[in-house]
N, C-alpha and C. Protein backbone atom coordinates (compact mmCIF):
# COMPACT_ATOMS: atom_id res chain seq x y z
N MET A 1 -193.67 16.57 -18.89
CA MET A 1 -194.38 15.65 -18.02
C MET A 1 -193.48 15.24 -16.85
N ILE A 2 -194.09 15.09 -15.70
CA ILE A 2 -193.38 14.67 -14.49
C ILE A 2 -193.96 13.33 -14.04
N ILE A 3 -193.10 12.39 -13.71
CA ILE A 3 -193.57 11.14 -13.12
C ILE A 3 -193.92 11.43 -11.67
N VAL A 4 -195.10 10.98 -11.20
CA VAL A 4 -195.55 11.31 -9.85
C VAL A 4 -194.60 10.82 -8.76
N ASN A 5 -193.81 9.79 -9.04
CA ASN A 5 -192.83 9.29 -8.06
C ASN A 5 -191.79 10.37 -7.76
N ASP A 6 -191.56 11.31 -8.71
CA ASP A 6 -190.53 12.34 -8.56
C ASP A 6 -191.06 13.65 -7.98
N LEU A 7 -192.34 13.73 -7.64
CA LEU A 7 -192.90 14.97 -7.08
C LEU A 7 -192.28 15.26 -5.72
N LYS A 8 -192.05 16.54 -5.45
CA LYS A 8 -191.48 16.99 -4.17
C LYS A 8 -192.32 18.17 -3.67
N PRO A 9 -192.30 18.45 -2.36
CA PRO A 9 -193.02 19.62 -1.85
C PRO A 9 -192.54 20.89 -2.56
N GLY A 10 -193.51 21.71 -2.98
CA GLY A 10 -193.19 22.95 -3.69
C GLY A 10 -193.33 22.83 -5.19
N THR A 11 -193.39 21.60 -5.73
CA THR A 11 -193.56 21.40 -7.17
C THR A 11 -194.98 21.77 -7.57
N THR A 12 -195.14 22.42 -8.71
CA THR A 12 -196.47 22.75 -9.21
C THR A 12 -196.75 21.92 -10.46
N PHE A 13 -198.00 21.44 -10.56
CA PHE A 13 -198.37 20.63 -11.72
C PHE A 13 -199.83 20.86 -12.07
N GLU A 14 -200.17 20.49 -13.31
CA GLU A 14 -201.54 20.62 -13.80
C GLU A 14 -202.15 19.22 -13.86
N TYR A 15 -203.38 19.08 -13.34
CA TYR A 15 -204.04 17.78 -13.31
C TYR A 15 -205.55 18.01 -13.36
N GLN A 16 -206.21 17.39 -14.30
CA GLN A 16 -207.66 17.50 -14.48
C GLN A 16 -208.13 18.96 -14.57
N GLY A 17 -207.37 19.78 -15.28
CA GLY A 17 -207.76 21.17 -15.50
C GLY A 17 -207.48 22.12 -14.35
N ASN A 18 -206.87 21.65 -13.28
CA ASN A 18 -206.53 22.50 -12.14
C ASN A 18 -205.02 22.58 -11.96
N ILE A 19 -204.59 23.62 -11.25
CA ILE A 19 -203.17 23.81 -10.97
C ILE A 19 -202.96 23.56 -9.49
N PHE A 20 -202.03 22.66 -9.18
CA PHE A 20 -201.77 22.28 -7.80
C PHE A 20 -200.31 22.53 -7.45
N THR A 21 -200.08 22.77 -6.16
CA THR A 21 -198.72 22.79 -5.63
C THR A 21 -198.66 21.69 -4.57
N VAL A 22 -197.56 20.94 -4.56
CA VAL A 22 -197.40 19.80 -3.65
C VAL A 22 -197.02 20.32 -2.27
N LEU A 23 -197.77 19.87 -1.25
CA LEU A 23 -197.45 20.20 0.14
C LEU A 23 -196.71 19.05 0.82
N ASP A 24 -197.15 17.81 0.53
CA ASP A 24 -196.53 16.64 1.14
C ASP A 24 -196.78 15.45 0.22
N ILE A 25 -195.93 14.43 0.33
CA ILE A 25 -196.07 13.25 -0.53
C ILE A 25 -195.72 12.00 0.27
N ALA A 26 -196.46 10.91 0.01
CA ALA A 26 -196.19 9.64 0.69
C ALA A 26 -196.25 8.50 -0.33
N HIS A 27 -195.26 7.62 -0.30
CA HIS A 27 -195.21 6.46 -1.19
C HIS A 27 -195.60 5.23 -0.38
N ASN A 28 -196.48 4.39 -0.93
CA ASN A 28 -196.90 3.17 -0.25
C ASN A 28 -196.70 2.00 -1.21
N LYS A 29 -195.75 1.14 -0.91
CA LYS A 29 -195.42 0.00 -1.78
C LYS A 29 -195.57 -1.28 -0.99
N THR A 30 -196.43 -2.17 -1.48
CA THR A 30 -196.56 -3.50 -0.89
C THR A 30 -196.05 -4.53 -1.90
N ALA A 31 -195.80 -5.74 -1.46
CA ALA A 31 -195.17 -6.75 -2.31
C ALA A 31 -196.04 -7.16 -3.50
N MET A 32 -197.33 -7.21 -3.33
CA MET A 32 -198.20 -7.74 -4.38
C MET A 32 -198.84 -6.65 -5.27
N ARG A 33 -198.68 -5.41 -4.94
CA ARG A 33 -199.37 -4.35 -5.69
C ARG A 33 -198.39 -3.32 -6.22
N GLN A 34 -198.92 -2.51 -7.13
CA GLN A 34 -198.12 -1.38 -7.61
C GLN A 34 -198.04 -0.32 -6.51
N MET A 35 -197.04 0.54 -6.63
CA MET A 35 -196.86 1.61 -5.66
C MET A 35 -198.03 2.61 -5.75
N ILE A 36 -198.51 3.03 -4.59
CA ILE A 36 -199.53 4.07 -4.51
C ILE A 36 -198.82 5.33 -4.02
N VAL A 37 -199.01 6.44 -4.74
CA VAL A 37 -198.40 7.71 -4.36
C VAL A 37 -199.52 8.65 -3.93
N LYS A 38 -199.53 8.98 -2.63
CA LYS A 38 -200.53 9.92 -2.11
C LYS A 38 -199.90 11.29 -2.00
N VAL A 39 -200.52 12.26 -2.65
CA VAL A 39 -199.96 13.61 -2.71
C VAL A 39 -200.93 14.58 -2.06
N LYS A 40 -200.47 15.27 -1.01
CA LYS A 40 -201.27 16.33 -0.38
C LYS A 40 -200.99 17.60 -1.17
N VAL A 41 -202.04 18.19 -1.74
CA VAL A 41 -201.87 19.32 -2.65
C VAL A 41 -202.77 20.49 -2.26
N LYS A 42 -202.37 21.67 -2.76
CA LYS A 42 -203.19 22.88 -2.61
C LYS A 42 -203.55 23.35 -4.01
N ASN A 43 -204.85 23.50 -4.25
CA ASN A 43 -205.32 24.01 -5.53
C ASN A 43 -205.04 25.52 -5.56
N LEU A 44 -204.23 25.98 -6.50
CA LEU A 44 -203.84 27.39 -6.53
C LEU A 44 -204.97 28.32 -6.99
N ARG A 45 -206.00 27.78 -7.60
CA ARG A 45 -207.14 28.61 -8.03
C ARG A 45 -208.16 28.77 -6.92
N THR A 46 -208.42 27.71 -6.16
CA THR A 46 -209.48 27.75 -5.15
C THR A 46 -208.94 27.78 -3.72
N GLU A 47 -207.63 27.59 -3.54
CA GLU A 47 -206.98 27.55 -2.22
C GLU A 47 -207.39 26.33 -1.38
N VAL A 48 -208.08 25.35 -1.98
CA VAL A 48 -208.51 24.16 -1.26
C VAL A 48 -207.35 23.17 -1.16
N ILE A 49 -207.19 22.58 0.04
CA ILE A 49 -206.15 21.57 0.26
C ILE A 49 -206.83 20.21 0.31
N ASN A 50 -206.33 19.26 -0.49
CA ASN A 50 -206.86 17.90 -0.46
C ASN A 50 -205.76 16.91 -0.82
N GLU A 51 -206.15 15.63 -0.92
CA GLU A 51 -205.17 14.58 -1.20
C GLU A 51 -205.57 13.85 -2.49
N ILE A 52 -204.60 13.62 -3.35
CA ILE A 52 -204.83 12.91 -4.60
C ILE A 52 -203.97 11.65 -4.58
N SER A 53 -204.56 10.50 -4.98
CA SER A 53 -203.82 9.24 -5.04
C SER A 53 -203.51 8.92 -6.49
N PHE A 54 -202.26 8.56 -6.75
CA PHE A 54 -201.81 8.15 -8.07
C PHE A 54 -201.22 6.75 -7.97
N THR A 55 -201.16 6.08 -9.10
CA THR A 55 -200.44 4.81 -9.18
C THR A 55 -199.00 5.14 -9.58
N GLY A 56 -198.03 4.43 -9.01
CA GLY A 56 -196.64 4.68 -9.33
C GLY A 56 -196.41 4.64 -10.84
N GLY A 57 -195.71 5.63 -11.38
CA GLY A 57 -195.44 5.68 -12.80
C GLY A 57 -196.38 6.59 -13.58
N ASP A 58 -197.49 7.02 -12.94
CA ASP A 58 -198.40 7.97 -13.60
C ASP A 58 -197.64 9.26 -13.88
N LYS A 59 -198.12 10.00 -14.88
CA LYS A 59 -197.47 11.26 -15.24
C LYS A 59 -198.46 12.41 -15.14
N VAL A 60 -197.94 13.58 -14.75
CA VAL A 60 -198.73 14.81 -14.71
C VAL A 60 -197.96 15.89 -15.47
N GLU A 61 -198.68 16.88 -15.93
CA GLU A 61 -198.08 17.99 -16.69
C GLU A 61 -197.51 19.01 -15.72
N GLN A 62 -196.25 19.40 -15.91
CA GLN A 62 -195.65 20.41 -15.04
C GLN A 62 -196.25 21.78 -15.35
N ALA A 63 -196.57 22.54 -14.31
CA ALA A 63 -197.13 23.89 -14.48
C ALA A 63 -196.04 24.90 -14.17
N ARG A 64 -195.82 25.80 -15.09
CA ARG A 64 -194.80 26.83 -14.90
C ARG A 64 -195.46 28.08 -14.32
N ILE A 65 -195.18 28.35 -13.06
CA ILE A 65 -195.75 29.51 -12.38
C ILE A 65 -194.77 30.67 -12.50
N ASP A 66 -195.26 31.79 -13.03
CA ASP A 66 -194.44 32.99 -13.17
C ASP A 66 -194.69 33.91 -11.99
N LYS A 67 -193.63 34.61 -11.57
CA LYS A 67 -193.75 35.60 -10.50
C LYS A 67 -193.37 36.95 -11.08
N LYS A 68 -194.20 37.94 -10.81
CA LYS A 68 -193.96 39.28 -11.33
C LYS A 68 -194.09 40.26 -10.18
N GLU A 69 -193.04 41.09 -9.99
CA GLU A 69 -193.10 42.07 -8.91
C GLU A 69 -193.96 43.26 -9.33
N MET A 70 -194.94 43.59 -8.49
CA MET A 70 -195.83 44.71 -8.75
C MET A 70 -195.99 45.51 -7.47
N GLN A 71 -196.40 46.76 -7.64
CA GLN A 71 -196.60 47.65 -6.49
C GLN A 71 -198.08 47.67 -6.13
N TYR A 72 -198.37 47.45 -4.84
CA TYR A 72 -199.75 47.54 -4.36
C TYR A 72 -200.10 49.02 -4.25
N LEU A 73 -201.13 49.45 -5.00
CA LEU A 73 -201.48 50.87 -5.03
C LEU A 73 -202.56 51.23 -4.01
N TYR A 74 -203.75 50.64 -4.16
CA TYR A 74 -204.84 51.03 -3.27
C TYR A 74 -205.96 49.99 -3.28
N ASP A 75 -206.91 50.18 -2.34
CA ASP A 75 -208.08 49.34 -2.20
C ASP A 75 -209.21 49.97 -3.01
N GLU A 76 -209.77 49.23 -3.95
CA GLU A 76 -210.79 49.73 -4.87
C GLU A 76 -212.20 49.41 -4.37
N GLY A 77 -212.35 48.85 -3.20
CA GLY A 77 -213.66 48.46 -2.68
C GLY A 77 -213.81 46.95 -2.72
N GLU A 78 -214.12 46.40 -3.90
CA GLU A 78 -214.26 44.95 -4.08
C GLU A 78 -212.94 44.29 -4.48
N SER A 79 -211.95 45.09 -4.84
CA SER A 79 -210.68 44.52 -5.29
C SER A 79 -209.51 45.41 -4.87
N LEU A 80 -208.30 44.86 -5.03
CA LEU A 80 -207.07 45.60 -4.75
C LEU A 80 -206.37 45.87 -6.07
N VAL A 81 -205.79 47.06 -6.21
CA VAL A 81 -205.16 47.47 -7.47
C VAL A 81 -203.65 47.39 -7.33
N PHE A 82 -203.00 46.73 -8.32
CA PHE A 82 -201.55 46.58 -8.37
C PHE A 82 -201.05 47.16 -9.68
N MET A 83 -199.79 47.66 -9.68
CA MET A 83 -199.21 48.23 -10.89
C MET A 83 -197.88 47.57 -11.20
N ASP A 84 -197.69 47.23 -12.47
CA ASP A 84 -196.43 46.68 -12.95
C ASP A 84 -195.39 47.81 -12.90
N ASN A 85 -194.24 47.57 -12.28
CA ASN A 85 -193.22 48.62 -12.11
C ASN A 85 -192.51 49.00 -13.40
N THR A 86 -192.58 48.16 -14.42
CA THR A 86 -191.88 48.47 -15.68
C THR A 86 -192.82 49.03 -16.74
N THR A 87 -194.02 48.43 -16.89
CA THR A 87 -194.94 48.88 -17.95
C THR A 87 -196.01 49.85 -17.43
N TYR A 88 -196.12 49.98 -16.13
CA TYR A 88 -197.14 50.82 -15.47
C TYR A 88 -198.56 50.34 -15.75
N GLU A 89 -198.70 49.11 -16.20
CA GLU A 89 -200.01 48.50 -16.42
C GLU A 89 -200.60 48.16 -15.05
N GLN A 90 -201.91 48.41 -14.88
CA GLN A 90 -202.56 48.14 -13.60
C GLN A 90 -203.49 46.93 -13.72
N ILE A 91 -203.50 46.12 -12.66
CA ILE A 91 -204.40 44.98 -12.60
C ILE A 91 -205.17 45.03 -11.29
N GLU A 92 -206.32 44.37 -11.27
CA GLU A 92 -207.12 44.28 -10.05
C GLU A 92 -207.26 42.81 -9.66
N ILE A 93 -207.15 42.55 -8.36
CA ILE A 93 -207.36 41.21 -7.83
C ILE A 93 -208.48 41.30 -6.80
N ALA A 94 -209.46 40.41 -6.91
CA ALA A 94 -210.62 40.41 -6.01
C ALA A 94 -210.17 40.25 -4.55
N LYS A 95 -210.82 41.03 -3.66
CA LYS A 95 -210.48 40.99 -2.24
C LYS A 95 -210.71 39.61 -1.62
N ASP A 96 -211.77 38.93 -2.05
CA ASP A 96 -212.06 37.62 -1.44
C ASP A 96 -210.98 36.59 -1.73
N LYS A 97 -210.13 36.83 -2.72
CA LYS A 97 -209.01 35.94 -3.03
C LYS A 97 -207.79 36.25 -2.16
N LEU A 98 -207.79 37.44 -1.51
CA LEU A 98 -206.62 37.90 -0.75
C LEU A 98 -206.95 38.25 0.71
N LYS A 99 -207.92 37.55 1.31
CA LYS A 99 -208.34 37.89 2.68
C LYS A 99 -207.18 37.86 3.67
N TRP A 100 -206.39 36.80 3.66
CA TRP A 100 -205.27 36.67 4.60
C TRP A 100 -204.15 37.66 4.26
N GLU A 101 -203.81 37.75 2.97
CA GLU A 101 -202.68 38.57 2.53
C GLU A 101 -202.90 40.06 2.77
N MET A 102 -204.16 40.53 2.73
CA MET A 102 -204.46 41.95 2.92
C MET A 102 -203.99 42.48 4.27
N GLN A 103 -203.92 41.60 5.27
CA GLN A 103 -203.53 42.01 6.61
C GLN A 103 -202.05 42.38 6.71
N PHE A 104 -201.27 42.07 5.67
CA PHE A 104 -199.83 42.31 5.71
C PHE A 104 -199.36 43.28 4.64
N MET A 105 -200.28 43.81 3.82
CA MET A 105 -199.89 44.71 2.73
C MET A 105 -200.36 46.12 3.02
N LYS A 106 -199.48 47.08 2.72
CA LYS A 106 -199.86 48.48 2.81
C LYS A 106 -199.56 49.15 1.48
N PRO A 107 -200.25 50.23 1.15
CA PRO A 107 -200.01 50.89 -0.14
C PRO A 107 -198.54 51.20 -0.37
N ASN A 108 -198.11 51.07 -1.61
CA ASN A 108 -196.75 51.30 -2.10
C ASN A 108 -195.78 50.16 -1.80
N ASP A 109 -196.25 49.06 -1.18
CA ASP A 109 -195.40 47.88 -0.99
C ASP A 109 -195.20 47.17 -2.32
N ASN A 110 -194.01 46.64 -2.54
CA ASN A 110 -193.77 45.80 -3.71
C ASN A 110 -194.11 44.37 -3.34
N ILE A 111 -195.00 43.75 -4.13
CA ILE A 111 -195.52 42.42 -3.86
C ILE A 111 -195.30 41.56 -5.10
N ASN A 112 -194.97 40.28 -4.90
CA ASN A 112 -194.85 39.35 -6.02
C ASN A 112 -196.21 38.76 -6.35
N ILE A 113 -196.61 38.88 -7.61
CA ILE A 113 -197.88 38.33 -8.08
C ILE A 113 -197.59 36.98 -8.74
N MET A 114 -198.38 35.96 -8.40
CA MET A 114 -198.22 34.62 -8.94
C MET A 114 -199.15 34.48 -10.15
N MET A 115 -198.58 34.09 -11.32
CA MET A 115 -199.37 33.97 -12.54
C MET A 115 -199.11 32.64 -13.23
N TYR A 116 -200.14 32.13 -13.92
CA TYR A 116 -200.01 30.93 -14.75
C TYR A 116 -200.65 31.25 -16.10
N GLU A 117 -199.82 31.33 -17.14
CA GLU A 117 -200.29 31.65 -18.49
C GLU A 117 -201.20 32.88 -18.48
N ASN A 118 -200.73 33.97 -17.89
CA ASN A 118 -201.43 35.25 -17.77
C ASN A 118 -202.68 35.21 -16.90
N GLU A 119 -202.92 34.12 -16.19
CA GLU A 119 -204.02 34.04 -15.23
C GLU A 119 -203.44 34.35 -13.85
N ILE A 120 -204.01 35.33 -13.17
CA ILE A 120 -203.52 35.73 -11.85
C ILE A 120 -204.05 34.76 -10.80
N LEU A 121 -203.13 34.12 -10.08
CA LEU A 121 -203.50 33.14 -9.06
C LEU A 121 -203.52 33.73 -7.66
N GLY A 122 -202.73 34.76 -7.42
CA GLY A 122 -202.67 35.36 -6.09
C GLY A 122 -201.36 36.09 -5.88
N VAL A 123 -201.04 36.36 -4.61
CA VAL A 123 -199.80 37.07 -4.29
C VAL A 123 -198.92 36.20 -3.40
N ILE A 124 -197.62 36.46 -3.46
CA ILE A 124 -196.65 35.76 -2.62
C ILE A 124 -196.11 36.78 -1.63
N LEU A 125 -196.38 36.54 -0.36
CA LEU A 125 -195.91 37.45 0.68
C LEU A 125 -194.49 37.09 1.10
N PRO A 126 -193.72 38.08 1.57
CA PRO A 126 -192.43 37.73 2.18
C PRO A 126 -192.69 36.97 3.48
N ASP A 127 -191.67 36.30 4.00
CA ASP A 127 -191.85 35.52 5.24
C ASP A 127 -192.23 36.41 6.42
N LYS A 128 -191.65 37.62 6.46
CA LYS A 128 -191.92 38.55 7.57
C LYS A 128 -192.09 39.95 7.01
N VAL A 129 -192.95 40.75 7.67
CA VAL A 129 -193.17 42.14 7.25
C VAL A 129 -193.03 43.06 8.47
N GLU A 130 -192.67 44.31 8.18
CA GLU A 130 -192.58 45.33 9.22
C GLU A 130 -193.85 46.17 9.18
N LEU A 131 -194.52 46.29 10.33
CA LEU A 131 -195.73 47.10 10.41
C LEU A 131 -195.68 47.96 11.67
N LYS A 132 -196.40 49.07 11.63
CA LYS A 132 -196.40 50.03 12.74
C LYS A 132 -197.58 49.77 13.66
N ILE A 133 -197.32 49.80 14.97
CA ILE A 133 -198.37 49.64 15.97
C ILE A 133 -199.18 50.94 16.02
N THR A 134 -200.51 50.83 15.87
CA THR A 134 -201.36 52.02 15.92
C THR A 134 -202.14 52.11 17.23
N GLU A 135 -202.50 50.96 17.80
CA GLU A 135 -203.20 50.93 19.09
C GLU A 135 -202.55 49.87 19.95
N CYS A 136 -202.41 50.17 21.25
CA CYS A 136 -201.76 49.23 22.14
C CYS A 136 -202.36 49.36 23.54
N GLU A 137 -202.67 48.25 24.17
CA GLU A 137 -203.16 48.29 25.55
C GLU A 137 -202.03 48.72 26.47
N PRO A 138 -202.34 49.37 27.58
CA PRO A 138 -201.27 49.70 28.53
C PRO A 138 -200.80 48.43 29.24
N ALA A 139 -199.53 48.40 29.61
CA ALA A 139 -198.97 47.24 30.31
C ALA A 139 -199.39 47.27 31.77
N VAL A 140 -199.66 46.10 32.34
CA VAL A 140 -200.05 45.99 33.74
C VAL A 140 -198.80 45.67 34.54
N LYS A 141 -198.46 46.55 35.50
CA LYS A 141 -197.25 46.37 36.29
C LYS A 141 -197.37 45.12 37.17
N GLY A 142 -196.28 44.36 37.23
CA GLY A 142 -196.25 43.17 38.07
C GLY A 142 -196.79 41.93 37.38
N ASP A 143 -197.22 42.07 36.14
CA ASP A 143 -197.81 40.95 35.40
C ASP A 143 -196.74 40.26 34.56
N THR A 144 -195.60 39.92 35.18
CA THR A 144 -194.49 39.37 34.39
C THR A 144 -193.99 38.03 34.91
N ALA A 145 -194.86 37.22 35.49
CA ALA A 145 -194.45 35.91 35.98
C ALA A 145 -194.03 35.01 34.83
N THR A 146 -194.74 35.10 33.74
CA THR A 146 -194.38 34.35 32.54
C THR A 146 -194.22 35.36 31.41
N SER A 147 -194.04 34.88 30.21
CA SER A 147 -193.89 35.82 29.10
C SER A 147 -195.24 36.46 28.81
N ALA A 148 -195.52 37.54 29.48
CA ALA A 148 -196.81 38.22 29.38
C ALA A 148 -196.92 38.98 28.07
N THR A 149 -198.15 39.01 27.54
CA THR A 149 -198.40 39.75 26.31
C THR A 149 -199.63 40.63 26.48
N LYS A 150 -199.78 41.55 25.55
CA LYS A 150 -200.96 42.41 25.53
C LYS A 150 -201.43 42.53 24.08
N ASN A 151 -202.66 42.99 23.91
CA ASN A 151 -203.23 43.14 22.58
C ASN A 151 -202.75 44.43 21.93
N ALA A 152 -202.53 44.35 20.62
CA ALA A 152 -202.13 45.54 19.85
C ALA A 152 -202.72 45.43 18.46
N LYS A 153 -202.88 46.59 17.82
CA LYS A 153 -203.38 46.64 16.45
C LYS A 153 -202.34 47.34 15.59
N VAL A 154 -202.08 46.79 14.39
CA VAL A 154 -201.11 47.39 13.48
C VAL A 154 -201.84 48.20 12.41
N GLU A 155 -201.06 48.93 11.60
CA GLU A 155 -201.62 49.87 10.63
C GLU A 155 -202.54 49.25 9.59
N THR A 156 -202.44 47.95 9.34
CA THR A 156 -203.32 47.30 8.36
C THR A 156 -204.62 46.82 8.98
N GLY A 157 -204.74 46.92 10.32
CA GLY A 157 -205.95 46.47 11.01
C GLY A 157 -205.79 45.11 11.68
N LEU A 158 -204.68 44.43 11.44
CA LEU A 158 -204.43 43.13 12.05
C LEU A 158 -204.23 43.28 13.56
N GLU A 159 -204.89 42.42 14.33
CA GLU A 159 -204.72 42.43 15.79
C GLU A 159 -203.77 41.31 16.17
N ILE A 160 -202.76 41.66 16.98
CA ILE A 160 -201.75 40.69 17.39
C ILE A 160 -201.49 40.79 18.89
N LYS A 161 -200.78 39.82 19.41
CA LYS A 161 -200.31 39.84 20.80
C LYS A 161 -198.85 40.25 20.78
N VAL A 162 -198.47 41.21 21.62
CA VAL A 162 -197.09 41.69 21.67
C VAL A 162 -196.61 41.68 23.12
N PRO A 163 -195.28 41.67 23.34
CA PRO A 163 -194.75 41.75 24.72
C PRO A 163 -195.13 43.09 25.36
N LEU A 164 -195.07 43.14 26.68
CA LEU A 164 -195.50 44.32 27.43
C LEU A 164 -194.69 45.58 27.12
N PHE A 165 -193.43 45.45 26.70
CA PHE A 165 -192.59 46.63 26.47
C PHE A 165 -192.89 47.36 25.15
N ILE A 166 -193.69 46.80 24.28
CA ILE A 166 -194.03 47.44 22.99
C ILE A 166 -195.03 48.58 23.24
N GLN A 167 -194.78 49.73 22.59
CA GLN A 167 -195.62 50.92 22.76
C GLN A 167 -196.24 51.34 21.43
N ASP A 168 -197.23 52.24 21.49
CA ASP A 168 -197.83 52.83 20.28
C ASP A 168 -196.76 53.47 19.42
N GLY A 169 -196.88 53.32 18.10
CA GLY A 169 -195.97 53.97 17.17
C GLY A 169 -194.72 53.18 16.86
N GLU A 170 -194.47 52.07 17.57
CA GLU A 170 -193.27 51.26 17.30
C GLU A 170 -193.47 50.39 16.07
N MET A 171 -192.37 50.10 15.38
CA MET A 171 -192.38 49.19 14.25
C MET A 171 -192.06 47.79 14.77
N VAL A 172 -192.88 46.81 14.36
CA VAL A 172 -192.66 45.42 14.77
C VAL A 172 -192.59 44.53 13.54
N ILE A 173 -191.95 43.37 13.71
CA ILE A 173 -191.86 42.39 12.64
C ILE A 173 -192.90 41.30 12.92
N ILE A 174 -193.70 40.98 11.87
CA ILE A 174 -194.77 40.00 12.00
C ILE A 174 -194.56 38.90 10.97
N SER A 175 -194.73 37.65 11.40
CA SER A 175 -194.63 36.51 10.50
C SER A 175 -195.90 36.43 9.66
N THR A 176 -195.77 36.30 8.34
CA THR A 176 -196.95 36.22 7.48
C THR A 176 -197.53 34.81 7.45
N ALA A 177 -196.80 33.82 7.94
CA ALA A 177 -197.30 32.44 7.96
C ALA A 177 -198.41 32.28 8.98
N ASP A 178 -198.22 32.86 10.18
CA ASP A 178 -199.21 32.68 11.23
C ASP A 178 -199.76 33.98 11.81
N GLY A 179 -199.23 35.13 11.37
CA GLY A 179 -199.72 36.42 11.85
C GLY A 179 -199.30 36.75 13.26
N LYS A 180 -198.18 36.21 13.72
CA LYS A 180 -197.73 36.45 15.09
C LYS A 180 -196.53 37.38 15.13
N TYR A 181 -196.38 38.07 16.28
CA TYR A 181 -195.26 38.96 16.54
C TYR A 181 -193.96 38.18 16.48
N SER A 182 -192.96 38.77 15.81
CA SER A 182 -191.65 38.10 15.67
C SER A 182 -190.52 38.88 16.33
N GLY A 183 -190.70 40.17 16.51
CA GLY A 183 -189.66 40.98 17.12
C GLY A 183 -189.83 42.45 16.78
N ARG A 184 -188.93 43.26 17.34
CA ARG A 184 -188.92 44.69 17.01
C ARG A 184 -188.21 44.90 15.67
N ALA A 185 -188.63 45.93 14.98
CA ALA A 185 -187.99 46.24 13.68
C ALA A 185 -186.77 47.10 13.91
């Protein structure tokens, strides 16, 4: 059990049958009342972000989230197939649970799968990924008054803005947090 006063961003806990990870926390203490602890959380099953209020001293059950490295094999239509690198066991995760993450994964990539008591919650992406530019607009000469960008598409289908000097076939680094160009690979 964890006392809610001790919760920190990144902590995972179980509350009312759901698994949450703490995004932000605020303590509110007035002279005449007990402390109110407002916790901004993300539900790991539904991906919904909301705020839960606790009274100071309340306790929640700590949730132990396991991470298992698996290889992304292929797209099965309605789901994505992953394989455990040690047991060769294959699992499927529904595409609608991985809409954002699919834009950064390509077959044969090693991906960390997030699990809670053998229940698959999703995948954990690295902070940045290297992807190949497949389509790129031509650069317009003289269009460099400010940091000019052009549209490009990478091998996973993600469309990004890149600097004018990037060409077709180049490898670029993309941030998985916001899907923006980070640099050349």
